[in-house]
């Protein structure tokens, strides 16, 4: 079932957890393969390095800087997602998924590379795990070779778990994105 409002909401929710685009038509990268899916989903997560002396304000700024590109992508592409879904254009939707995939990877990698206060570490680990799940979903969309395969992968997502990102925002004194 392809509900355009739900589709746009799901794409926005995925990227808001952590999510740049032009109006030029993007194509899925050829290098993404089923092997890449296995690599992302089976690779062990790196543990971010805790830093006890980081202030709450510094951590909040770092978090906002980290998620800004992904949030910009949502602002830039949410209407494109909705239009592609409404047109039942699975190839254009896959192209948008490829762009979102790159934003999710950057978000995940940035969270891992950054230092965080020790009390946020369990939430950062959970956040990274949520990004891994999002990446796997986007990869399934990008790697679909037929319309049927694409929509089956698309429909496989239910509700995104954003508890970690919501809790991070709460602990850092930031507004919720919900």
N, C-alpha and C. Protein backbone atom coordinates (compact mmCIF):
# COMPACT_ATOMS: atom_id res chain seq x y z
N UNK A 1 0.84 -1.18 0.00
CA UNK A 1 0.00 0.00 0.00
C UNK A 1 0.88 1.24 0.00
N UNK A 2 0.66 2.10 -0.94
CA UNK A 2 1.51 3.26 -1.09
C UNK A 2 0.73 4.54 -0.76
N UNK A 3 0.64 4.85 0.49
CA UNK A 3 -0.02 6.05 0.95
C UNK A 3 0.99 7.19 0.85
N UNK A 4 0.79 8.18 -0.04
CA UNK A 4 1.79 9.22 -0.26
C UNK A 4 2.10 10.04 0.99
N UNK A 5 1.11 10.31 1.80
CA UNK A 5 1.36 11.08 3.01
C UNK A 5 2.20 10.25 3.98
N UNK A 6 1.87 8.97 4.09
CA UNK A 6 2.64 8.09 4.98
C UNK A 6 4.07 7.96 4.47
N UNK A 7 4.22 7.85 3.16
CA UNK A 7 5.54 7.70 2.56
C UNK A 7 6.40 8.92 2.86
N UNK A 8 5.86 10.09 2.61
CA UNK A 8 6.62 11.32 2.88
C UNK A 8 6.91 11.43 4.37
N UNK A 9 5.96 11.04 5.21
CA UNK A 9 6.16 11.08 6.65
C UNK A 9 7.26 10.13 7.08
N UNK A 10 7.28 8.93 6.50
CA UNK A 10 8.31 7.96 6.84
C UNK A 10 9.67 8.47 6.43
N UNK A 11 9.78 8.98 5.21
CA UNK A 11 11.07 9.49 4.75
C UNK A 11 11.54 10.64 5.63
N UNK A 12 10.63 11.53 5.98
CA UNK A 12 11.00 12.65 6.84
C UNK A 12 11.39 12.16 8.23
N UNK A 13 10.65 11.21 8.76
CA UNK A 13 10.96 10.69 10.09
C UNK A 13 12.32 10.03 10.12
N UNK A 14 12.65 9.29 9.08
CA UNK A 14 13.95 8.63 9.03
C UNK A 14 15.06 9.67 9.08
N UNK A 15 14.93 10.67 8.29
CA UNK A 15 15.99 11.66 8.21
C UNK A 15 16.00 12.61 9.39
N UNK A 16 14.85 12.90 9.98
CA UNK A 16 14.80 13.79 11.12
C UNK A 16 15.48 13.19 12.33
N UNK A 17 15.52 11.91 12.40
CA UNK A 17 16.21 11.27 13.52
C UNK A 17 17.62 11.75 13.57
N UNK A 18 18.09 12.06 12.70
CA UNK A 18 19.44 12.48 12.80
C UNK A 18 19.62 13.64 11.87
N UNK A 19 18.68 14.34 9.23
CA UNK A 19 18.89 14.39 7.78
C UNK A 19 18.98 15.69 7.09
N UNK A 20 20.49 16.76 1.44
CA UNK A 20 20.70 17.99 0.78
C UNK A 20 20.39 17.62 -0.62
N UNK A 21 19.88 18.27 -1.19
CA UNK A 21 19.38 17.81 -2.46
C UNK A 21 19.18 18.99 -3.36
N UNK A 22 19.29 18.73 -4.65
CA UNK A 22 18.90 19.72 -5.63
C UNK A 22 17.72 19.14 -6.37
N UNK A 23 17.14 19.92 -7.24
CA UNK A 23 16.01 19.41 -7.99
C UNK A 23 16.45 18.55 -9.16
N UNK A 24 17.75 18.44 -9.36
CA UNK A 24 18.25 17.59 -10.43
C UNK A 24 17.94 16.14 -10.10
N UNK A 25 17.58 15.38 -11.14
CA UNK A 25 17.24 13.98 -10.93
C UNK A 25 18.48 13.20 -10.54
N UNK A 26 18.38 12.46 -9.44
CA UNK A 26 19.50 11.66 -8.97
C UNK A 26 19.26 10.22 -9.39
N UNK A 27 20.33 9.49 -9.56
CA UNK A 27 20.21 8.07 -9.88
C UNK A 27 20.90 7.28 -8.80
N UNK A 28 20.38 6.08 -8.50
CA UNK A 28 21.01 5.28 -7.46
C UNK A 28 22.43 4.93 -7.85
N UNK A 29 23.36 4.96 -6.89
CA UNK A 29 24.73 4.62 -7.21
C UNK A 29 24.85 3.16 -7.63
N UNK A 30 25.62 2.91 -8.69
CA UNK A 30 25.77 1.56 -9.21
C UNK A 30 26.54 0.67 -8.25
N UNK A 31 27.35 1.26 -7.37
CA UNK A 31 28.19 0.47 -6.48
C UNK A 31 27.41 -0.20 -5.36
N UNK A 32 26.17 0.16 -5.15
CA UNK A 32 25.38 -0.45 -4.09
C UNK A 32 24.87 -1.80 -4.55
N UNK A 33 25.25 -2.83 -3.84
CA UNK A 33 24.88 -4.18 -4.23
C UNK A 33 24.34 -4.92 -3.02
N UNK A 34 23.86 -6.12 -3.24
CA UNK A 34 23.40 -6.95 -2.13
C UNK A 34 24.53 -7.20 -1.16
N UNK A 35 25.76 -7.29 -1.66
CA UNK A 35 26.91 -7.45 -0.78
C UNK A 35 27.09 -6.26 0.14
N UNK A 36 26.75 -5.06 -0.37
CA UNK A 36 26.84 -3.86 0.45
C UNK A 36 25.83 -3.91 1.58
N UNK A 37 24.65 -4.44 1.29
CA UNK A 37 23.63 -4.59 2.34
C UNK A 37 24.18 -5.48 3.44
N UNK A 38 24.76 -6.60 3.07
CA UNK A 38 25.31 -7.52 4.07
C UNK A 38 26.43 -6.84 4.85
N UNK A 39 27.25 -6.07 4.16
CA UNK A 39 28.36 -5.39 4.83
C UNK A 39 27.85 -4.41 5.88
N UNK A 40 26.83 -3.63 5.54
CA UNK A 40 26.29 -2.64 6.48
C UNK A 40 25.60 -3.32 7.64
N UNK A 41 24.82 -4.35 7.37
CA UNK A 41 24.03 -4.95 8.43
C UNK A 41 24.83 -5.93 9.27
N UNK A 42 25.97 -6.42 8.75
CA UNK A 42 26.74 -7.38 9.54
C UNK A 42 27.99 -6.78 10.15
N UNK A 43 28.39 -5.59 9.71
CA UNK A 43 29.59 -4.96 10.25
C UNK A 43 29.34 -4.54 11.69
N UNK A 44 30.29 -4.81 12.57
CA UNK A 44 30.10 -4.40 13.96
C UNK A 44 30.07 -2.88 14.07
N UNK A 45 29.24 -2.37 14.95
CA UNK A 45 29.19 -0.93 15.18
C UNK A 45 30.40 -0.52 15.99
N UNK A 46 30.98 0.58 15.62
CA UNK A 46 32.06 1.14 16.41
C UNK A 46 31.45 1.89 17.57
N UNK A 47 32.11 1.88 18.68
CA UNK A 47 31.58 2.57 19.84
C UNK A 47 32.14 3.97 19.90
N UNK A 48 31.26 4.99 19.95
CA UNK A 48 31.74 6.35 20.08
C UNK A 48 32.55 6.51 21.37
N UNK A 49 33.46 7.45 21.37
CA UNK A 49 34.35 7.67 22.51
C UNK A 49 33.71 8.66 23.47
N UNK A 50 33.53 8.25 24.74
CA UNK A 50 32.95 9.18 25.71
C UNK A 50 33.97 10.24 26.14
N UNK A 51 33.49 11.43 26.40
CA UNK A 51 34.32 12.51 26.90
C UNK A 51 33.58 13.15 28.07
N UNK A 52 34.07 12.93 29.24
CA UNK A 52 33.38 13.40 30.44
C UNK A 52 33.37 14.92 30.57
N UNK A 53 34.39 15.59 30.05
CA UNK A 53 34.49 17.03 30.26
C UNK A 53 33.69 17.87 29.26
N UNK A 54 32.99 17.25 28.32
CA UNK A 54 32.17 18.00 27.38
C UNK A 54 30.93 18.53 28.10
N UNK A 55 30.62 19.80 27.91
CA UNK A 55 29.44 20.37 28.55
C UNK A 55 28.18 19.97 27.78
N UNK A 56 27.06 20.13 28.43
CA UNK A 56 25.77 19.85 27.81
C UNK A 56 25.58 20.76 26.59
N UNK A 57 25.99 22.00 26.70
CA UNK A 57 25.85 22.96 25.61
C UNK A 57 26.72 22.57 24.42
N UNK A 58 27.94 22.12 24.70
CA UNK A 58 28.84 21.68 23.63
C UNK A 58 28.28 20.44 22.93
N UNK A 59 27.75 19.52 23.72
CA UNK A 59 27.16 18.31 23.15
C UNK A 59 25.93 18.66 22.32
N UNK A 60 25.11 19.59 22.79
CA UNK A 60 23.92 20.01 22.04
C UNK A 60 24.31 20.64 20.71
N UNK A 61 25.32 21.51 20.71
CA UNK A 61 25.77 22.13 19.46
C UNK A 61 26.31 21.06 18.51
N UNK A 62 27.09 20.13 19.05
CA UNK A 62 27.64 19.06 18.23
C UNK A 62 26.53 18.22 17.60
N UNK A 63 25.51 17.90 18.37
CA UNK A 63 24.38 17.10 17.87
C UNK A 63 23.65 17.86 16.76
N UNK A 64 23.36 19.12 17.01
CA UNK A 64 22.65 19.92 15.99
C UNK A 64 23.48 20.05 14.71
N UNK A 65 24.78 20.26 14.85
CA UNK A 65 25.65 20.33 13.67
C UNK A 65 25.65 19.00 12.92
N UNK A 66 25.61 17.91 13.66
CA UNK A 66 25.62 16.57 13.07
C UNK A 66 24.35 16.31 12.26
N UNK A 67 23.20 16.68 12.80
CA UNK A 67 21.94 16.36 12.14
C UNK A 67 21.50 17.39 11.10
N UNK A 68 22.14 18.57 11.07
CA UNK A 68 21.71 19.63 10.16
C UNK A 68 21.68 19.22 8.69
N UNK A 69 22.72 18.57 8.16
CA UNK A 69 22.64 18.18 6.74
C UNK A 69 21.47 17.25 6.44
N UNK A 70 21.18 16.33 7.34
CA UNK A 70 20.06 15.43 7.14
C UNK A 70 18.73 16.18 7.21
N UNK A 71 18.63 17.12 8.14
CA UNK A 71 17.42 17.93 8.23
C UNK A 71 17.24 18.80 6.99
N UNK A 72 18.34 19.31 6.47
CA UNK A 72 18.27 20.09 5.22
C UNK A 72 17.77 19.22 4.07
N UNK A 73 18.21 17.97 4.04
CA UNK A 73 17.76 17.05 2.99
C UNK A 73 16.25 16.84 3.07
N UNK A 74 15.73 16.70 4.25
CA UNK A 74 14.28 16.54 4.41
C UNK A 74 13.55 17.75 3.84
N UNK A 75 14.02 18.94 4.23
CA UNK A 75 13.39 20.16 3.75
C UNK A 75 13.43 20.24 2.22
N UNK A 76 14.52 19.80 1.67
CA UNK A 76 14.74 19.90 0.23
C UNK A 76 13.98 18.85 -0.58
N UNK A 77 13.79 17.67 -0.01
CA UNK A 77 13.26 16.57 -0.82
C UNK A 77 11.89 16.03 -0.40
N UNK A 78 11.32 16.52 0.67
CA UNK A 78 10.04 15.93 1.11
C UNK A 78 8.96 16.03 0.04
N UNK A 79 8.88 17.15 -0.66
CA UNK A 79 7.88 17.28 -1.73
C UNK A 79 8.24 16.37 -2.91
N UNK A 80 9.52 16.21 -3.20
CA UNK A 80 9.94 15.31 -4.27
C UNK A 80 9.56 13.87 -3.96
N UNK A 81 9.75 13.46 -2.68
CA UNK A 81 9.33 12.12 -2.26
C UNK A 81 7.83 11.95 -2.48
N UNK A 82 7.07 12.91 -2.00
CA UNK A 82 5.60 12.83 -2.13
C UNK A 82 5.18 12.76 -3.59
N UNK A 83 5.79 13.60 -4.45
CA UNK A 83 5.44 13.60 -5.87
C UNK A 83 5.78 12.27 -6.53
N UNK A 84 6.95 11.72 -6.21
CA UNK A 84 7.37 10.44 -6.80
C UNK A 84 6.44 9.30 -6.35
N UNK A 85 6.06 9.32 -5.10
CA UNK A 85 5.16 8.29 -4.57
C UNK A 85 3.78 8.43 -5.22
N UNK A 86 3.27 9.66 -5.27
CA UNK A 86 1.96 9.89 -5.89
C UNK A 86 1.93 9.45 -7.34
N UNK A 87 3.07 9.61 -8.03
CA UNK A 87 3.16 9.22 -9.44
C UNK A 87 3.47 7.73 -9.58
N UNK A 88 3.62 7.04 -8.45
CA UNK A 88 3.97 5.62 -8.46
C UNK A 88 5.28 5.40 -9.23
N UNK A 89 6.19 6.37 -9.12
CA UNK A 89 7.47 6.36 -9.83
C UNK A 89 8.53 5.74 -8.92
N UNK A 90 8.64 4.43 -8.97
CA UNK A 90 9.56 3.72 -8.08
C UNK A 90 11.01 4.05 -8.38
N UNK A 91 11.34 4.34 -9.63
CA UNK A 91 12.74 4.65 -9.96
C UNK A 91 13.16 6.01 -9.41
N UNK A 92 12.29 6.99 -9.51
CA UNK A 92 12.60 8.30 -8.93
C UNK A 92 12.65 8.20 -7.41
N UNK A 93 11.76 7.42 -6.84
CA UNK A 93 11.77 7.23 -5.39
C UNK A 93 13.07 6.54 -4.96
N UNK A 94 13.53 5.57 -5.74
CA UNK A 94 14.80 4.90 -5.45
C UNK A 94 15.96 5.89 -5.55
N UNK A 95 15.89 6.80 -6.50
CA UNK A 95 16.94 7.81 -6.63
C UNK A 95 16.97 8.72 -5.40
N UNK A 96 15.80 9.08 -4.91
CA UNK A 96 15.72 9.87 -3.68
C UNK A 96 16.24 9.07 -2.49
N UNK A 97 15.93 7.78 -2.47
CA UNK A 97 16.42 6.91 -1.40
C UNK A 97 17.95 6.86 -1.41
N UNK A 98 18.55 6.90 -2.59
CA UNK A 98 20.02 6.89 -2.68
C UNK A 98 20.60 8.14 -2.03
N UNK A 99 19.96 9.26 -2.22
CA UNK A 99 20.43 10.49 -1.58
C UNK A 99 20.25 10.42 -0.07
N UNK A 100 19.13 9.88 0.35
CA UNK A 100 18.88 9.73 1.78
C UNK A 100 19.86 8.74 2.40
N UNK A 101 20.18 7.71 1.66
CA UNK A 101 21.14 6.70 2.12
C UNK A 101 22.47 7.37 2.46
N UNK A 102 22.95 8.22 1.59
CA UNK A 102 24.22 8.90 1.84
C UNK A 102 24.14 9.80 3.07
N UNK A 103 23.00 10.47 3.25
CA UNK A 103 22.83 11.32 4.44
C UNK A 103 22.82 10.47 5.70
N UNK A 104 22.16 9.31 5.65
CA UNK A 104 22.11 8.42 6.81
C UNK A 104 23.50 7.89 7.15
N UNK A 105 24.26 7.53 6.13
CA UNK A 105 25.63 7.05 6.36
C UNK A 105 26.48 8.13 7.02
N UNK A 106 26.37 9.36 6.50
CA UNK A 106 27.15 10.47 7.08
C UNK A 106 26.73 10.72 8.52
N UNK A 107 25.45 10.63 8.78
CA UNK A 107 24.94 10.84 10.14
C UNK A 107 25.48 9.77 11.08
N UNK A 108 25.38 8.52 10.67
CA UNK A 108 25.88 7.41 11.48
C UNK A 108 27.38 7.55 11.72
N UNK A 109 28.13 7.77 10.65
CA UNK A 109 29.58 7.88 10.78
C UNK A 109 29.98 9.07 11.64
N UNK A 110 29.26 10.16 11.51
CA UNK A 110 29.54 11.34 12.34
C UNK A 110 29.28 11.08 13.81
N UNK A 111 28.20 10.36 14.10
CA UNK A 111 27.89 10.03 15.50
C UNK A 111 28.97 9.14 16.10
N UNK A 112 29.48 8.22 15.30
CA UNK A 112 30.54 7.32 15.77
C UNK A 112 31.85 8.07 15.95
N UNK A 113 32.18 8.94 15.03
CA UNK A 113 33.47 9.65 15.08
C UNK A 113 33.54 10.69 16.18
N UNK A 114 32.39 11.19 16.60
CA UNK A 114 32.36 12.26 17.60
C UNK A 114 32.59 11.72 19.01
N UNK A 115 33.06 12.59 19.85
CA UNK A 115 33.17 12.28 21.28
C UNK A 115 31.91 12.80 21.96
N UNK A 116 31.43 12.05 22.95
CA UNK A 116 30.19 12.40 23.61
C UNK A 116 30.35 12.28 25.13
N UNK A 117 29.54 13.02 25.88
CA UNK A 117 29.57 12.84 27.34
C UNK A 117 29.20 11.39 27.70
N UNK A 118 29.81 10.88 28.74
CA UNK A 118 29.63 9.49 29.13
C UNK A 118 28.15 9.15 29.37
N UNK A 119 27.37 10.06 29.93
CA UNK A 119 25.97 9.75 30.22
C UNK A 119 25.11 9.63 28.97
N UNK A 120 25.61 10.11 27.83
CA UNK A 120 24.87 9.99 26.57
C UNK A 120 25.25 8.74 25.79
N UNK A 121 26.32 8.07 26.18
CA UNK A 121 26.84 6.95 25.40
C UNK A 121 25.81 5.86 25.09
N UNK A 122 25.03 5.40 26.06
CA UNK A 122 24.03 4.37 25.71
C UNK A 122 23.04 4.86 24.65
N UNK A 123 22.66 6.12 24.73
CA UNK A 123 21.73 6.67 23.74
C UNK A 123 22.40 6.85 22.38
N UNK A 124 23.66 7.22 22.36
CA UNK A 124 24.39 7.36 21.10
C UNK A 124 24.52 5.98 20.45
N UNK A 125 24.82 4.96 21.25
CA UNK A 125 24.90 3.60 20.72
C UNK A 125 23.56 3.17 20.11
N UNK A 126 22.46 3.49 20.80
CA UNK A 126 21.13 3.16 20.29
C UNK A 126 20.83 3.95 19.01
N UNK A 127 21.22 5.22 19.00
CA UNK A 127 21.04 6.08 17.84
C UNK A 127 21.77 5.48 16.63
N UNK A 128 23.01 5.04 16.83
CA UNK A 128 23.79 4.42 15.75
C UNK A 128 23.08 3.16 15.26
N UNK A 129 22.54 2.37 16.16
CA UNK A 129 21.81 1.16 15.76
C UNK A 129 20.58 1.52 14.93
N UNK A 130 19.89 2.59 15.30
CA UNK A 130 18.75 3.04 14.52
C UNK A 130 19.19 3.48 13.12
N UNK A 131 20.33 4.15 13.04
CA UNK A 131 20.85 4.55 11.73
C UNK A 131 21.19 3.32 10.90
N UNK A 132 21.75 2.29 11.51
CA UNK A 132 22.05 1.05 10.79
C UNK A 132 20.78 0.46 10.17
N UNK A 133 19.69 0.47 10.92
CA UNK A 133 18.42 -0.06 10.41
C UNK A 133 17.91 0.80 9.25
N UNK A 134 18.03 2.11 9.38
CA UNK A 134 17.60 3.01 8.30
C UNK A 134 18.43 2.78 7.05
N UNK A 135 19.73 2.62 7.22
CA UNK A 135 20.63 2.39 6.09
C UNK A 135 20.25 1.10 5.37
N UNK A 136 19.97 0.05 6.12
CA UNK A 136 19.58 -1.22 5.51
C UNK A 136 18.30 -1.05 4.70
N UNK A 137 17.33 -0.29 5.20
CA UNK A 137 16.07 -0.07 4.47
C UNK A 137 16.33 0.71 3.18
N UNK A 138 17.11 1.80 3.28
CA UNK A 138 17.42 2.57 2.08
C UNK A 138 18.17 1.72 1.06
N UNK A 139 19.09 0.89 1.52
CA UNK A 139 19.81 0.01 0.60
C UNK A 139 18.86 -0.93 -0.13
N UNK A 140 17.88 -1.46 0.58
CA UNK A 140 16.91 -2.34 -0.06
C UNK A 140 16.14 -1.60 -1.15
N UNK A 141 15.80 -0.35 -0.89
CA UNK A 141 15.10 0.46 -1.90
C UNK A 141 16.00 0.73 -3.10
N UNK A 142 17.21 1.13 -2.83
CA UNK A 142 18.16 1.48 -3.89
C UNK A 142 18.51 0.26 -4.74
N UNK A 143 18.61 -0.89 -4.12
CA UNK A 143 19.04 -2.10 -4.82
C UNK A 143 17.91 -2.85 -5.52
N UNK A 144 16.68 -2.40 -5.37
CA UNK A 144 15.56 -3.06 -6.03
C UNK A 144 15.75 -3.01 -7.55
N UNK A 145 15.49 -4.13 -8.19
CA UNK A 145 15.67 -4.20 -9.65
C UNK A 145 14.34 -4.23 -10.40
N UNK A 146 13.25 -4.21 -9.67
CA UNK A 146 11.94 -4.18 -10.32
C UNK A 146 10.98 -3.36 -9.45
N UNK A 147 9.90 -2.95 -10.07
CA UNK A 147 8.89 -2.20 -9.34
C UNK A 147 8.33 -3.03 -8.19
N UNK A 148 8.06 -4.29 -8.44
CA UNK A 148 7.52 -5.16 -7.40
C UNK A 148 8.49 -5.30 -6.22
N UNK A 149 9.76 -5.51 -6.52
CA UNK A 149 10.77 -5.64 -5.48
C UNK A 149 10.90 -4.33 -4.69
N UNK A 150 10.85 -3.20 -5.39
CA UNK A 150 10.97 -1.91 -4.73
C UNK A 150 9.83 -1.70 -3.73
N UNK A 151 8.58 -1.87 -4.20
CA UNK A 151 7.44 -1.60 -3.32
C UNK A 151 7.36 -2.61 -2.18
N UNK A 152 7.81 -3.83 -2.39
CA UNK A 152 7.85 -4.81 -1.29
C UNK A 152 8.83 -4.33 -0.22
N UNK A 153 9.99 -3.85 -0.64
CA UNK A 153 10.97 -3.33 0.32
C UNK A 153 10.44 -2.07 1.00
N UNK A 154 9.81 -1.22 0.22
CA UNK A 154 9.25 0.03 0.75
C UNK A 154 8.20 -0.27 1.82
N UNK A 155 7.31 -1.20 1.51
CA UNK A 155 6.22 -1.53 2.43
C UNK A 155 6.70 -2.30 3.66
N UNK A 156 7.93 -2.78 3.63
CA UNK A 156 8.45 -3.57 4.75
C UNK A 156 8.71 -2.70 5.98
N UNK A 157 8.82 -1.41 5.79
CA UNK A 157 9.04 -0.55 6.96
C UNK A 157 7.70 -0.26 7.61
N UNK A 158 7.71 -0.27 8.91
CA UNK A 158 6.48 -0.03 9.64
C UNK A 158 6.60 1.32 10.34
N UNK A 159 6.97 1.31 11.56
CA UNK A 159 7.13 2.53 12.33
C UNK A 159 8.59 2.64 12.74
N UNK A 160 9.14 3.79 12.53
CA UNK A 160 10.54 4.01 12.88
C UNK A 160 10.69 4.28 14.37
N UNK A 161 11.69 3.68 14.95
CA UNK A 161 11.97 3.87 16.37
C UNK A 161 12.88 5.09 16.51
N UNK A 162 12.37 6.15 17.07
CA UNK A 162 13.13 7.38 17.24
C UNK A 162 13.33 7.72 18.71
N UNK A 163 13.17 6.71 19.57
CA UNK A 163 13.30 6.99 21.00
C UNK A 163 14.68 7.54 21.37
N UNK A 164 15.75 6.98 20.80
CA UNK A 164 17.09 7.44 21.16
C UNK A 164 17.30 8.90 20.77
N UNK A 165 16.95 9.26 19.53
CA UNK A 165 17.15 10.65 19.11
C UNK A 165 16.27 11.60 19.92
N UNK A 166 15.06 11.18 20.23
CA UNK A 166 14.19 12.02 21.06
C UNK A 166 14.77 12.20 22.46
N UNK A 167 15.29 11.12 23.03
CA UNK A 167 15.87 11.19 24.37
C UNK A 167 17.17 12.02 24.37
N UNK A 168 17.97 11.88 23.32
CA UNK A 168 19.19 12.70 23.21
C UNK A 168 18.80 14.18 23.21
N UNK A 169 17.82 14.52 22.40
CA UNK A 169 17.37 15.91 22.33
C UNK A 169 16.87 16.39 23.70
N UNK A 170 16.09 15.56 24.37
CA UNK A 170 15.56 15.92 25.68
C UNK A 170 16.70 16.15 26.68
N UNK A 171 17.64 15.24 26.74
CA UNK A 171 18.76 15.37 27.69
C UNK A 171 19.65 16.56 27.39
N UNK A 172 19.71 16.95 26.14
CA UNK A 172 20.55 18.10 25.76
C UNK A 172 19.78 19.42 25.81
N UNK A 173 18.51 19.37 26.20
CA UNK A 173 17.71 20.58 26.31
C UNK A 173 17.26 21.14 24.97
N UNK A 174 17.17 20.27 23.96
CA UNK A 174 16.75 20.69 22.63
C UNK A 174 15.28 20.36 22.41
N UNK A 175 14.66 21.09 21.50
CA UNK A 175 13.26 20.84 21.18
C UNK A 175 13.12 19.51 20.47
N UNK A 176 12.00 18.86 20.69
CA UNK A 176 11.68 17.62 19.98
C UNK A 176 11.34 17.94 18.54
N UNK A 177 11.63 17.00 17.65
CA UNK A 177 11.28 17.21 16.24
C UNK A 177 9.91 16.63 15.94
N UNK A 178 9.28 16.01 16.90
CA UNK A 178 7.95 15.42 16.69
C UNK A 178 6.86 16.42 16.89
